[in-house]
Amino acid sequence: MTSSVIGDAFNALVAAVSGIPGVRIYSEPGDIVSPPGVMVSPPTLGWAVYAEQPDTATFTVWLIADFSERPLEALFPLVPAVSEAIDVLNYMAVTTAAPATISNGGTDYPCYQFTVEASLT
């Protein structure tokens, strides 16, 4: 296994959420969002004992809405769409989706923060 496995998993996740209609996709740490959007963050990596290469990755995926009179009305219908898009990848699974806010470009946005576990082996 080489470090490209990490990049392959990241790119597969970005591609999976790119099929969600009506949202913009962001995958670079410095991207400035324009909601509604989905941002995929680089993963936290895990190693089995004595392993040379990581065998697990934990991604954070942010479903971001704009602050409006009713931001939850924008978020709630998209939560299942994000989960379903990720479920297509048979080596990844959504483990949680928690309401949160994310600061981006000097603005705080309402969002859902998804935790996605991936096997890299």
PDB file of N, CA and C in Angstrom:
ATOM      1  N   MET A   1       0.853  -1.179   0.000  1.00  0.00           N
ATOM      2  CA  MET A   1       0.000   0.000   0.000  1.00  0.00           C
ATOM      3  C   MET A   1       0.891   1.232   0.000  1.00  0.00           C
ATOM      4  N   THR A   2       0.544   2.206  -0.795  1.00  0.00           N
ATOM      5  CA  THR A   2       1.295   3.457  -0.828  1.00  0.00           C
ATOM      6  C   THR A   2       0.394   4.590  -0.371  1.00  0.00           C
ATOM      7  N   SER A   3       1.003   5.764  -0.191  1.00  0.00           N
ATOM      8  CA  SER A   3       0.225   6.908   0.279  1.00  0.00           C
ATOM      9  C   SER A   3      -0.840   7.336  -0.721  1.00  0.00           C
ATOM     10  N   SER A   4      -0.759   6.866  -1.962  1.00  0.00           N
ATOM     11  CA  SER A   4      -1.787   7.213  -2.943  1.00  0.00           C
ATOM     12  C   SER A   4      -3.157   6.636  -2.572  1.00  0.00           C
ATOM     13  N   VAL A   5      -3.175   5.622  -1.718  1.00  0.00           N
ATOM     14  CA  VAL A   5      -4.445   5.061  -1.272  1.00  0.00           C
ATOM     15  C   VAL A   5      -5.250   6.128  -0.529  1.00  0.00           C
ATOM     16  N   ILE A   6      -4.566   6.977   0.214  1.00  0.00           N
ATOM     17  CA  ILE A   6      -5.233   8.073   0.929  1.00  0.00           C
ATOM     18  C   ILE A   6      -5.871   9.023  -0.075  1.00  0.00           C
ATOM     19  N   GLY A   7      -5.103   9.420  -1.065  1.00  0.00           N
ATOM     20  CA  GLY A   7      -5.622  10.316  -2.099  1.00  0.00           C
ATOM     21  C   GLY A   7      -6.746   9.685  -2.895  1.00  0.00           C
ATOM     22  N   ASP A   8      -6.628   8.388  -3.176  1.00  0.00           N
ATOM     23  CA  ASP A   8      -7.687   7.695  -3.907  1.00  0.00           C
ATOM     24  C   ASP A   8      -8.994   7.698  -3.115  1.00  0.00           C
ATOM     25  N   ALA A   9      -8.907   7.444  -1.799  1.00  0.00           N
ATOM     26  CA  ALA A   9     -10.109   7.448  -0.962  1.00  0.00           C
ATOM     27  C   ALA A   9     -10.712   8.851  -0.901  1.00  0.00           C
ATOM     28  N   PHE A  10      -9.858   9.858  -0.743  1.00  0.00           N
ATOM     29  CA  PHE A  10     -10.327  11.245  -0.706  1.00  0.00           C
ATOM     30  C   PHE A  10     -11.031  11.602  -2.008  1.00  0.00           C
ATOM     31  N   ASN A  11     -10.404  11.295  -3.136  1.00  0.00           N
ATOM     32  CA  ASN A  11     -10.992  11.616  -4.443  1.00  0.00           C
ATOM     33  C   ASN A  11     -12.289  10.866  -4.683  1.00  0.00           C
ATOM     34  N   ALA A  12     -12.378   9.617  -4.219  1.00  0.00           N
ATOM     35  CA  ALA A  12     -13.622   8.844  -4.373  1.00  0.00           C
ATOM     36  C   ALA A  12     -14.749   9.473  -3.563  1.00  0.00           C
ATOM     37  N   LEU A  13     -14.430   9.949  -2.365  1.00  0.00           N
ATOM     38  CA  LEU A  13     -15.441  10.598  -1.529  1.00  0.00           C
ATOM     39  C   LEU A  13     -15.912  11.902  -2.163  1.00  0.00           C
ATOM     40  N   VAL A  14     -14.981  12.697  -2.662  1.00  0.00           N
ATOM     41  CA  VAL A  14     -15.353  13.946  -3.342  1.00  0.00           C
ATOM     42  C   VAL A  14     -16.228  13.645  -4.559  1.00  0.00           C
ATOM     43  N   ALA A  15     -15.863  12.646  -5.334  1.00  0.00           N
ATOM     44  CA  ALA A  15     -16.653  12.270  -6.515  1.00  0.00           C
ATOM     45  C   ALA A  15     -18.054  11.815  -6.109  1.00  0.00           C
ATOM     46  N   ALA A  16     -18.149  11.063  -5.014  1.00  0.00           N
ATOM     47  CA  ALA A  16     -19.458  10.559  -4.577  1.00  0.00           C
ATOM     48  C   ALA A  16     -20.397  11.704  -4.211  1.00  0.00           C
ATOM     49  N   VAL A  17     -19.910  12.678  -3.446  1.00  0.00           N
ATOM     50  CA  VAL A  17     -20.789  13.786  -3.042  1.00  0.00           C
ATOM     51  C   VAL A  17     -21.008  14.792  -4.170  1.00  0.00           C
ATOM     52  N   SER A  18     -20.176  14.722  -5.201  1.00  0.00           N
ATOM     53  CA  SER A  18     -20.347  15.626  -6.349  1.00  0.00           C
ATOM     54  C   SER A  18     -21.629  15.357  -7.118  1.00  0.00           C
ATOM     55  N   GLY A  19     -22.214  14.193  -6.920  1.00  0.00           N
ATOM     56  CA  GLY A  19     -23.456  13.857  -7.608  1.00  0.00           C
ATOM     57  C   GLY A  19     -24.706  14.384  -6.924  1.00  0.00           C
ATOM     58  N   ILE A  20     -24.558  15.084  -5.808  1.00  0.00           N
ATOM     59  CA  ILE A  20     -25.726  15.615  -5.099  1.00  0.00           C
ATOM     60  C   ILE A  20     -26.190  16.884  -5.809  1.00  0.00           C
ATOM     61  N   PRO A  21     -27.430  16.890  -6.307  1.00  0.00           N
ATOM     62  CA  PRO A  21     -27.896  18.067  -7.034  1.00  0.00           C
ATOM     63  C   PRO A  21     -28.094  19.282  -6.124  1.00  0.00           C
ATOM     64  N   GLY A  22     -27.763  20.445  -6.650  1.00  0.00           N
ATOM     65  CA  GLY A  22     -28.063  21.694  -5.968  1.00  0.00           C
ATOM     66  C   GLY A  22     -27.051  22.154  -4.940  1.00  0.00           C
ATOM     67  N   VAL A  23     -25.915  21.458  -4.818  1.00  0.00           N
ATOM     68  CA  VAL A  23     -24.884  21.904  -3.875  1.00  0.00           C
ATOM     69  C   VAL A  23     -23.547  22.054  -4.600  1.00  0.00           C
ATOM     70  N   ARG A  24     -22.736  22.984  -4.113  1.00  0.00           N
ATOM     71  CA  ARG A  24     -21.380  23.154  -4.622  1.00  0.00           C
ATOM     72  C   ARG A  24     -20.456  22.269  -3.787  1.00  0.00           C
ATOM     73  N   ILE A  25     -19.379  21.787  -4.405  1.00  0.00           N
ATOM     74  CA  ILE A  25     -18.449  20.887  -3.721  1.00  0.00           C
ATOM     75  C   ILE A  25     -17.122  21.605  -3.493  1.00  0.00           C
ATOM     76  N   TYR A  26     -16.591  21.453  -2.274  1.00  0.00           N
ATOM     77  CA  TYR A  26     -15.328  22.076  -1.889  1.00  0.00           C
ATOM     78  C   TYR A  26     -14.423  21.000  -1.301  1.00  0.00           C
ATOM     79  N   SER A  27     -13.158  20.975  -1.758  1.00  0.00           N
ATOM     80  CA  SER A  27     -12.261  19.924  -1.292  1.00  0.00           C
ATOM     81  C   SER A  27     -10.864  20.428  -0.961  1.00  0.00           C
ATOM     82  N   GLU A  28     -10.654  21.705  -1.006  1.00  0.00           N
ATOM     83  CA  GLU A  28      -9.356  22.279  -0.639  1.00  0.00           C
ATOM     84  C   GLU A  28      -9.512  23.046   0.664  1.00  0.00           C
ATOM     85  N   PRO A  29      -8.561  22.887   1.608  1.00  0.00           N
ATOM     86  CA  PRO A  29      -8.701  23.553   2.907  1.00  0.00           C
ATOM     87  C   PRO A  29      -8.927  25.065   2.838  1.00  0.00           C
ATOM     88  N   GLY A  30      -8.416  25.741   1.842  1.00  0.00           N
ATOM     89  CA  GLY A  30      -8.571  27.195   1.745  1.00  0.00           C
ATOM     90  C   GLY A  30      -9.782  27.656   0.961  1.00  0.00           C
ATOM     91  N   ASP A  31     -10.601  26.732   0.476  1.00  0.00           N
ATOM     92  CA  ASP A  31     -11.776  27.118  -0.313  1.00  0.00           C
ATOM     93  C   ASP A  31     -12.721  27.998   0.502  1.00  0.00           C
ATOM     94  N   ILE A  32     -13.224  29.037  -0.126  1.00  0.00           N
ATOM     95  CA  ILE A  32     -14.258  29.885   0.470  1.00  0.00           C
ATOM     96  C   ILE A  32     -15.593  29.385  -0.067  1.00  0.00           C
ATOM     97  N   VAL A  33     -16.498  29.038   0.841  1.00  0.00           N
ATOM     98  CA  VAL A  33     -17.756  28.418   0.432  1.00  0.00           C
ATOM     99  C   VAL A  33     -18.808  29.453   0.062  1.00  0.00           C
ATOM    100  N   SER A  34     -19.693  29.015  -0.800  1.00  0.00           N
ATOM    101  CA  SER A  34     -20.891  29.762  -1.164  1.00  0.00           C
ATOM    102  C   SER A  34     -22.048  28.770  -1.058  1.00  0.00           C
ATOM    103  N   PRO A  35     -22.729  28.748   0.094  1.00  0.00           N
ATOM    104  CA  PRO A  35     -23.763  27.740   0.349  1.00  0.00           C
ATOM    105  C   PRO A  35     -24.923  27.805  -0.639  1.00  0.00           C
ATOM    106  N   PRO A  36     -25.617  26.697  -0.826  1.00  0.00           N
ATOM    107  CA  PRO A  36     -25.403  25.423  -0.162  1.00  0.00           C
ATOM    108  C   PRO A  36     -24.190  24.704  -0.732  1.00  0.00           C
ATOM    109  N   GLY A  37     -23.493  24.007   0.149  1.00  0.00           N
ATOM    110  CA  GLY A  37     -22.289  23.326  -0.284  1.00  0.00           C
ATOM    111  C   GLY A  37     -21.944  22.145   0.589  1.00  0.00           C
ATOM    112  N   VAL A  38     -21.051  21.322   0.049  1.00  0.00           N
ATOM    113  CA  VAL A  38     -20.495  20.190   0.768  1.00  0.00           C
ATOM    114  C   VAL A  38     -18.981  20.343   0.716  1.00  0.00           C
ATOM    115  N   MET A  39     -18.355  20.326   1.904  1.00  0.00           N
ATOM    116  CA  MET A  39     -16.902  20.412   1.985  1.00  0.00           C
ATOM    117  C   MET A  39     -16.366  19.102   2.547  1.00  0.00           C
ATOM    118  N   VAL A  40     -15.368  18.552   1.857  1.00  0.00           N
ATOM    119  CA  VAL A  40     -14.708  17.325   2.312  1.00  0.00           C
ATOM    120  C   VAL A  40     -13.340  17.726   2.854  1.00  0.00           C
ATOM    121  N   SER A  41     -13.092  17.410   4.131  1.00  0.00           N
ATOM    122  CA  SER A  41     -11.820  17.737   4.771  1.00  0.00           C
ATOM    123  C   SER A  41     -10.846  16.575   4.642  1.00  0.00           C
ATOM    124  N   PRO A  42      -9.537  16.869   4.667  1.00  0.00           N
ATOM    125  CA  PRO A  42      -8.555  15.784   4.654  1.00  0.00           C
ATOM    126  C   PRO A  42      -8.778  14.849   5.850  1.00  0.00           C
ATOM    127  N   PRO A  43      -8.425  13.571   5.710  1.00  0.00           N
ATOM    128  CA  PRO A  43      -8.756  12.605   6.763  1.00  0.00           C
ATOM    129  C   PRO A  43      -7.774  12.591   7.927  1.00  0.00           C
ATOM    130  N   THR A  44      -8.290  12.121   9.057  1.00  0.00           N
ATOM    131  CA  THR A  44      -7.457  11.670  10.165  1.00  0.00           C
ATOM    132  C   THR A  44      -7.134  10.213   9.865  1.00  0.00           C
ATOM    133  N   LEU A  45      -5.877   9.830   9.990  1.00  0.00           N
ATOM    134  CA  LEU A  45      -5.445   8.487   9.607  1.00  0.00           C
ATOM    135  C   LEU A  45      -5.173   7.627  10.824  1.00  0.00           C
ATOM    136  N   GLY A  46      -5.399   6.313  10.683  1.00  0.00           N
ATOM    137  CA  GLY A  46      -5.143   5.367  11.756  1.00  0.00           C
ATOM    138  C   GLY A  46      -4.271   4.224  11.277  1.00  0.00           C
ATOM    139  N   TRP A  47      -3.399   3.770  12.173  1.00  0.00           N
ATOM    140  CA  TRP A  47      -2.509   2.660  11.876  1.00  0.00           C
ATOM    141  C   TRP A  47      -2.804   1.500  12.813  1.00  0.00           C
ATOM    142  N   ALA A  48      -2.781   0.298  12.271  1.00  0.00           N
ATOM    143  CA  ALA A  48      -2.819  -0.892  13.118  1.00  0.00           C
ATOM    144  C   ALA A  48      -1.462  -0.983  13.821  1.00  0.00           C
ATOM    145  N   VAL A  49      -1.420  -1.707  14.894  1.00  0.00           N
ATOM    146  CA  VAL A  49      -0.159  -1.843  15.631  1.00  0.00           C
ATOM    147  C   VAL A  49       0.934  -2.372  14.700  1.00  0.00           C
ATOM    148  N   TYR A  50       2.046  -1.703  14.690  1.00  0.00           N
ATOM    149  CA  TYR A  50       3.244  -2.072  13.913  1.00  0.00           C
ATOM    150  C   TYR A  50       3.050  -1.978  12.401  1.00  0.00           C
ATOM    151  N   ALA A  51       2.009  -1.351  11.949  1.00  0.00           N
ATOM    152  CA  ALA A  51       1.801  -1.202  10.509  1.00  0.00           C
ATOM    153  C   ALA A  51       2.631  -0.039   9.978  1.00  0.00           C
ATOM    154  N   GLU A  52       3.130  -0.179   8.767  1.00  0.00           N
ATOM    155  CA  GLU A  52       3.907   0.893   8.148  1.00  0.00           C
ATOM    156  C   GLU A  52       3.026   1.938   7.486  1.00  0.00           C
ATOM    157  N   GLN A  53       1.867   1.536   7.028  1.00  0.00           N
ATOM    158  CA  GLN A  53       0.966   2.428   6.317  1.00  0.00           C
ATOM    159  C   GLN A  53      -0.365   2.518   7.064  1.00  0.00           C
ATOM    160  N   PRO A  54      -1.083   3.626   6.924  1.00  0.00           N
ATOM    161  CA  PRO A  54      -2.397   3.721   7.565  1.00  0.00           C
ATOM    162  C   PRO A  54      -3.367   2.713   6.963  1.00  0.00           C
ATOM    163  N   ASP A  55      -4.252   2.201   7.819  1.00  0.00           N
ATOM    164  CA  ASP A  55      -5.248   1.258   7.324  1.00  0.00           C
ATOM    165  C   ASP A  55      -6.676   1.772   7.475  1.00  0.00           C
ATOM    166  N   THR A  56      -6.839   2.909   8.168  1.00  0.00           N
ATOM    167  CA  THR A  56      -8.157   3.535   8.280  1.00  0.00           C
ATOM    168  C   THR A  56      -8.036   5.045   8.076  1.00  0.00           C
ATOM    169  N   ALA A  57      -9.127   5.625   7.658  1.00  0.00           N
ATOM    170  CA  ALA A  57      -9.207   7.079   7.495  1.00  0.00           C
ATOM    171  C   ALA A  57     -10.565   7.536   8.016  1.00  0.00           C
ATOM    172  N   THR A  58     -10.556   8.644   8.742  1.00  0.00           N
ATOM    173  CA  THR A  58     -11.795   9.246   9.217  1.00  0.00           C
ATOM    174  C   THR A  58     -11.911  10.620   8.573  1.00  0.00           C
ATOM    175  N   PHE A  59     -12.904  10.759   7.724  1.00  0.00           N
ATOM    176  CA  PHE A  59     -13.145  12.017   7.015  1.00  0.00           C
ATOM    177  C   PHE A  59     -14.238  12.814   7.717  1.00  0.00           C
ATOM    178  N   THR A  60     -14.127  14.124   7.642  1.00  0.00           N
ATOM    179  CA  THR A  60     -15.217  15.000   8.053  1.00  0.00           C
ATOM    180  C   THR A  60     -15.788  15.629   6.793  1.00  0.00           C
ATOM    181  N   VAL A  61     -17.087  15.479   6.638  1.00  0.00           N
ATOM    182  CA  VAL A  61     -17.805  16.057   5.498  1.00  0.00           C
ATOM    183  C   VAL A  61     -18.803  17.051   6.071  1.00  0.00           C
ATOM    184  N   TRP A  62     -18.745  18.266   5.576  1.00  0.00           N
ATOM    185  CA  TRP A  62     -19.603  19.349   6.069  1.00  0.00           C
ATOM    186  C   TRP A  62     -20.686  19.660   5.048  1.00  0.00           C
ATOM    187  N   LEU A  63     -21.931  19.587   5.455  1.00  0.00           N
ATOM    188  CA  LEU A  63     -23.067  20.031   4.645  1.00  0.00           C
ATOM    189  C   LEU A  63     -23.403  21.434   5.138  1.00  0.00           C
ATOM    190  N   ILE A  64     -23.192  22.437   4.308  1.00  0.00           N
ATOM    191  CA  ILE A  64     -23.226  23.835   4.742  1.00  0.00           C
ATOM    192  C   ILE A  64     -24.397  24.569   4.117  1.00  0.00           C
ATOM    193  N   ALA A  65     -25.137  25.285   4.958  1.00  0.00           N
ATOM    194  CA  ALA A  65     -26.246  26.137   4.493  1.00  0.00           C
ATOM    195  C   ALA A  65     -25.894  27.584   4.800  1.00  0.00           C
ATOM    196  N   ASP A  66     -26.626  28.473   4.185  1.00  0.00           N
ATOM    197  CA  ASP A  66     -26.467  29.896   4.459  1.00  0.00           C
ATOM    198  C   ASP A  66     -27.332  30.250   5.654  1.00  0.00           C
ATOM    199  N   PHE A  67     -26.916  31.260   6.419  1.00  0.00           N
ATOM    200  CA  PHE A  67     -27.800  31.743   7.469  1.00  0.00           C
ATOM    201  C   PHE A  67     -28.947  32.463   6.787  1.00  0.00           C
ATOM    202  N   SER A  68     -30.109  32.007   7.067  1.00  0.00           N
ATOM    203  CA  SER A  68     -31.321  32.619   6.538  1.00  0.00           C
ATOM    204  C   SER A  68     -32.348  32.549   7.651  1.00  0.00           C
ATOM    205  N   GLU A  69     -33.555  32.893   7.317  1.00  0.00           N
ATOM    206  CA  GLU A  69     -34.599  32.829   8.328  1.00  0.00           C
ATOM    207  C   GLU A  69     -34.815  31.397   8.816  1.00  0.00           C
ATOM    208  N   ARG A  70     -34.619  30.419   7.921  1.00  0.00           N
ATOM    209  CA  ARG A  70     -34.851  29.014   8.262  1.00  0.00           C
ATOM    210  C   ARG A  70     -33.757  28.119   7.655  1.00  0.00           C
ATOM    211  N   PRO A  71     -32.536  28.159   8.202  1.00  0.00           N
ATOM    212  CA  PRO A  71     -31.463  27.352   7.608  1.00  0.00           C
ATOM    213  C   PRO A  71     -31.698  25.839   7.738  1.00  0.00           C
ATOM    214  N   LEU A  72     -32.419  25.422   8.776  1.00  0.00           N
ATOM    215  CA  LEU A  72     -32.666  23.988   8.937  1.00  0.00           C
ATOM    216  C   LEU A  72     -33.528  23.437   7.809  1.00  0.00           C
ATOM    217  N   GLU A  73     -34.411  24.266   7.278  1.00  0.00           N
ATOM    218  CA  GLU A  73     -35.228  23.823   6.140  1.00  0.00           C
ATOM    219  C   GLU A  73     -34.366  23.539   4.922  1.00  0.00           C
ATOM    220  N   ALA A  74     -33.215  24.207   4.834  1.00  0.00           N
ATOM    221  CA  ALA A  74     -32.291  23.929   3.734  1.00  0.00           C
ATOM    222  C   ALA A  74     -31.448  22.693   4.022  1.00  0.00           C
ATOM    223  N   LEU A  75     -31.104  22.480   5.290  1.00  0.00           N
ATOM    224  CA  LEU A  75     -30.231  21.360   5.644  1.00  0.00           C
ATOM    225  C   LEU A  75     -30.943  20.012   5.690  1.00  0.00           C
ATOM    226  N   PHE A  76     -32.103  19.963   6.336  1.00  0.00           N
ATOM    227  CA  PHE A  76     -32.759  18.672   6.594  1.00  0.00           C
ATOM    228  C   PHE A  76     -32.971  17.819   5.341  1.00  0.00           C
ATOM    229  N   PRO A  77     -33.445  18.370   4.216  1.00  0.00           N
ATOM    230  CA  PRO A  77     -33.638  17.510   3.040  1.00  0.00           C
ATOM    231  C   PRO A  77     -32.332  16.987   2.438  1.00  0.00           C
ATOM    232  N   LEU A  78     -31.224  17.694   2.693  1.00  0.00           N
ATOM    233  CA  LEU A  78     -29.956  17.290   2.094  1.00  0.00           C
ATOM    234  C   LEU A  78     -29.181  16.270   2.929  1.00  0.00           C
ATOM    235  N   VAL A  79     -29.516  16.142   4.209  1.00  0.00           N
ATOM    236  CA  VAL A  79     -28.801  15.187   5.062  1.00  0.00           C
ATOM    237  C   VAL A  79     -28.887  13.767   4.493  1.00  0.00           C
ATOM    238  N   PRO A  80     -30.078  13.259   4.157  1.00  0.00           N
ATOM    239  CA  PRO A  80     -30.128  11.903   3.570  1.00  0.00           C
ATOM    240  C   PRO A  80     -29.399  11.806   2.234  1.00  0.00           C
ATOM    241  N   ALA A  81     -29.406  12.881   1.453  1.00  0.00           N
ATOM    242  CA  ALA A  81     -28.728  12.855   0.151  1.00  0.00           C
ATOM    243  C   ALA A  81     -27.218  12.677   0.322  1.00  0.00           C
ATOM    244  N   VAL A  82     -26.644  13.345   1.321  1.00  0.00           N
ATOM    245  CA  VAL A  82     -25.211  13.204   1.578  1.00  0.00           C
ATOM    246  C   VAL A  82     -24.910  11.776   2.024  1.00  0.00           C
ATOM    247  N   SER A  83     -25.683  11.264   2.966  1.00  0.00           N
ATOM    248  CA  SER A  83     -25.468   9.906   3.461  1.00  0.00           C
ATOM    249  C   SER A  83     -25.603   8.876   2.348  1.00  0.00           C
ATOM    250  N   GLU A  84     -26.622   9.005   1.537  1.00  0.00           N
ATOM    251  CA  GLU A  84     -26.845   8.057   0.436  1.00  0.00           C
ATOM    252  C   GLU A  84     -25.716   8.112  -0.582  1.00  0.00           C
ATOM    253  N   ALA A  85     -25.204   9.310  -0.865  1.00  0.00           N
ATOM    254  CA  ALA A  85     -24.103   9.439  -1.828  1.00  0.00           C
ATOM    255  C   ALA A  85     -22.853   8.723  -1.318  1.00  0.00           C
ATOM    256  N   ILE A  86     -22.594   8.843  -0.026  1.00  0.00           N
ATOM    257  CA  ILE A  86     -21.417   8.211   0.557  1.00  0.00           C
ATOM    258  C   ILE A  86     -21.603   6.697   0.657  1.00  0.00           C
ATOM    259  N   ASP A  87     -22.810   6.246   0.917  1.00  0.00           N
ATOM    260  CA  ASP A  87     -23.093   4.811   1.049  1.00  0.00           C
ATOM    261  C   ASP A  87     -22.797   4.020  -0.222  1.00  0.00           C
ATOM    262  N   VAL A  88     -22.698   4.691  -1.348  1.00  0.00           N
ATOM    263  CA  VAL A  88     -22.361   4.023  -2.607  1.00  0.00           C
ATOM    264  C   VAL A  88     -20.957   3.423  -2.530  1.00  0.00           C
ATOM    265  N   LEU A  89     -20.081   4.040  -1.734  1.00  0.00           N
ATOM    266  CA  LEU A  89     -18.712   3.552  -1.588  1.00  0.00           C
ATOM    267  C   LEU A  89     -18.706   2.421  -0.559  1.00  0.00           C
ATOM    268  N   ASN A  90     -18.433   1.214  -1.002  1.00  0.00           N
ATOM    269  CA  ASN A  90     -18.583   0.051  -0.123  1.00  0.00           C
ATOM    270  C   ASN A  90     -17.520  -0.047   0.971  1.00  0.00           C
ATOM    271  N   TYR A  91     -16.507   0.785   0.950  1.00  0.00           N
ATOM    272  CA  TYR A  91     -15.477   0.760   1.991  1.00  0.00           C
ATOM    273  C   TYR A  91     -15.535   1.998   2.887  1.00  0.00           C
ATOM    274  N   MET A  92     -16.634   2.755   2.784  1.00  0.00           N
ATOM    275  CA  MET A  92     -16.852   3.920   3.633  1.00  0.00           C
ATOM    276  C   MET A  92     -18.241   3.844   4.239  1.00  0.00           C
ATOM    277  N   ALA A  93     -18.371   4.439   5.436  1.00  0.00           N
ATOM    278  CA  ALA A  93     -19.668   4.467   6.101  1.00  0.00           C
ATOM    279  C   ALA A  93     -19.791   5.746   6.920  1.00  0.00           C
ATOM    280  N   VAL A  94     -20.962   6.362   6.846  1.00  0.00           N
ATOM    281  CA  VAL A  94     -21.275   7.502   7.704  1.00  0.00           C
ATOM    282  C   VAL A  94     -21.562   6.938   9.089  1.00  0.00           C
ATOM    283  N   THR A  95     -20.863   7.467  10.106  1.00  0.00           N
ATOM    284  CA  THR A  95     -21.100   6.997  11.471  1.00  0.00           C
ATOM    285  C   THR A  95     -21.887   8.008  12.300  1.00  0.00           C
ATOM    286  N   THR A  96     -21.760   9.294  11.997  1.00  0.00           N
ATOM    287  CA  THR A  96     -22.544  10.322  12.685  1.00  0.00           C
ATOM    288  C   THR A  96     -22.789  11.496  11.753  1.00  0.00           C
ATOM    289  N   ALA A  97     -23.848  12.240  12.053  1.00  0.00           N
ATOM    290  CA  ALA A  97     -24.128  13.526  11.399  1.00  0.00           C
ATOM    291  C   ALA A  97     -24.656  14.441  12.496  1.00  0.00           C
ATOM    292  N   ALA A  98     -23.859  15.426  12.872  1.00  0.00           N
ATOM    293  CA  ALA A  98     -24.195  16.289  14.003  1.00  0.00           C
ATOM    294  C   ALA A  98     -24.393  17.726  13.544  1.00  0.00           C
ATOM    295  N   PRO A  99     -25.410  18.407  14.076  1.00  0.00           N
ATOM    296  CA  PRO A  99     -25.576  19.826  13.751  1.00  0.00           C
ATOM    297  C   PRO A  99     -24.412  20.614  14.342  1.00  0.00           C
ATOM    298  N   ALA A 100     -23.978  21.622  13.608  1.00  0.00           N
ATOM    299  CA  ALA A 100     -22.827  22.410  14.037  1.00  0.00           C
ATOM    300  C   ALA A 100     -22.836  23.750  13.310  1.00  0.00           C
ATOM    301  N   THR A 101     -21.797  24.519  13.523  1.00  0.00           N
ATOM    302  CA  THR A 101     -21.512  25.689  12.696  1.00  0.00           C
ATOM    303  C   THR A 101     -20.070  25.555  12.233  1.00  0.00           C
ATOM    304  N   ILE A 102     -19.793  26.123  11.082  1.00  0.00           N
ATOM    305  CA  ILE A 102     -18.430  26.124  10.545  1.00  0.00           C
ATOM    306  C   ILE A 102     -18.090  27.562  10.182  1.00  0.00           C
ATOM    307  N   SER A 103     -16.894  27.964  10.531  1.00  0.00           N
ATOM    308  CA  SER A 103     -16.407  29.293  10.188  1.00  0.00           C
ATOM    309  C   SER A 103     -15.604  29.182   8.904  1.00  0.00           C
ATOM    310  N   ASN A 104     -15.941  30.021   7.930  1.00  0.00           N
ATOM    311  CA  ASN A 104     -15.266  29.975   6.642  1.00  0.00           C
ATOM    312  C   ASN A 104     -15.258  31.375   6.059  1.00  0.00           C
ATOM    313  N   GLY A 105     -14.087  31.862   5.709  1.00  0.00           N
ATOM    314  CA  GLY A 105     -13.985  33.185   5.098  1.00  0.00           C
ATOM    315  C   GLY A 105     -14.508  34.292   5.993  1.00  0.00           C
ATOM    316  N   GLY A 106     -14.401  34.129   7.301  1.00  0.00           N
ATOM    317  CA  GLY A 106     -14.868  35.147   8.236  1.00  0.00           C
ATOM    318  C   GLY A 106     -16.356  35.105   8.533  1.00  0.00           C
ATOM    319  N   THR A 107     -17.044  34.081   8.053  1.00  0.00           N
ATOM    320  CA  THR A 107     -18.484  33.943   8.280  1.00  0.00           C
ATOM    321  C   THR A 107     -18.760  32.592   8.920  1.00  0.00           C
ATOM    322  N   ASP A 108     -19.667  32.576   9.874  1.00  0.00           N
ATOM    323  CA  ASP A 108     -20.123  31.317  10.469  1.00  0.00           C
ATOM    324  C   ASP A 108     -21.362  30.842   9.733  1.00  0.00           C
ATOM    325  N   TYR A 109     -21.380  29.544   9.400  1.00  0.00           N
ATOM    326  CA  TYR A 109     -22.499  28.966   8.665  1.00  0.00           C
ATOM    327  C   TYR A 109     -23.096  27.805   9.459  1.00  0.00           C
ATOM    328  N   PRO A 110     -24.418  27.635   9.418  1.00  0.00           N
ATOM    329  CA  PRO A 110     -25.014  26.428   9.994  1.00  0.00           C
ATOM    330  C   PRO A 110     -24.684  25.242   9.094  1.00  0.00           C
ATOM    331  N   CYS A 111     -24.500  24.095   9.718  1.00  0.00           N
ATOM    332  CA  CYS A 111     -24.115  22.932   8.919  1.00  0.00           C
ATOM    333  C   CYS A 111     -24.445  21.641   9.653  1.00  0.00           C
ATOM    334  N   TYR A 112     -24.269  20.550   8.950  1.00  0.00           N
ATOM    335  CA  TYR A 112     -24.220  19.226   9.538  1.00  0.00           C
ATOM    336  C   TYR A 112     -22.809  18.710   9.306  1.00  0.00           C
ATOM    337  N   GLN A 113     -22.206  18.183  10.347  1.00  0.00           N
ATOM    338  CA  GLN A 113     -20.860  17.638  10.301  1.00  0.00           C
ATOM    339  C   GLN A 113     -20.964  16.110  10.304  1.00  0.00           C
ATOM    340  N   PHE A 114     -20.627  15.503   9.167  1.00  0.00           N
ATOM    341  CA  PHE A 114     -20.668  14.051   9.013  1.00  0.00           C
ATOM    342  C   PHE A 114     -19.296  13.466   9.338  1.00  0.00           C
ATOM    343  N   THR A 115     -19.292  12.375  10.080  1.00  0.00           N
ATOM    344  CA  THR A 115     -18.069  11.601  10.278  1.00  0.00           C
ATOM    345  C   THR A 115     -18.190  10.372   9.395  1.00  0.00           C
ATOM    346  N   VAL A 116     -17.161  10.180   8.573  1.00  0.00           N
ATOM    347  CA  VAL A 116     -17.152   9.081   7.608  1.00  0.00           C
ATOM    348  C   VAL A 116     -15.922   8.218   7.873  1.00  0.00           C
ATOM    349  N   GLU A 117     -16.153   6.960   8.185  1.00  0.00           N
ATOM    350  CA  GLU A 117     -15.052   6.009   8.432  1.00  0.00           C
ATOM    351  C   GLU A 117     -14.768   5.238   7.144  1.00  0.00           C
ATOM    352  N   ALA A 118     -13.471   5.096   6.834  1.00  0.00           N
ATOM    353  CA  ALA A 118     -13.065   4.394   5.613  1.00  0.00           C
ATOM    354  C   ALA A 118     -11.976   3.390   5.919  1.00  0.00           C
ATOM    355  N   SER A 119     -12.057   2.238   5.268  1.00  0.00           N
ATOM    356  CA  SER A 119     -10.993   1.242   5.332  1.00  0.00           C
ATOM    357  C   SER A 119     -10.052   1.490   4.152  1.00  0.00           C
ATOM    358  N   LEU A 120      -8.771   1.519   4.420  1.00  0.00           N
ATOM    359  CA  LEU A 120      -7.784   1.740   3.358  1.00  0.00           C
ATOM    360  C   LEU A 120      -7.079   0.454   2.946  1.00  0.00           C
ATOM    361  N   THR A 121      -7.544  -0.663   3.486  1.00  0.00           N
ATOM    362  CA  THR A 121      -6.878  -1.943   3.153  1.00  0.00           C
ATOM    363  C   THR A 121      -7.694  -2.734   2.167  1.00  0.00           C
TER     364      THR A 121
END
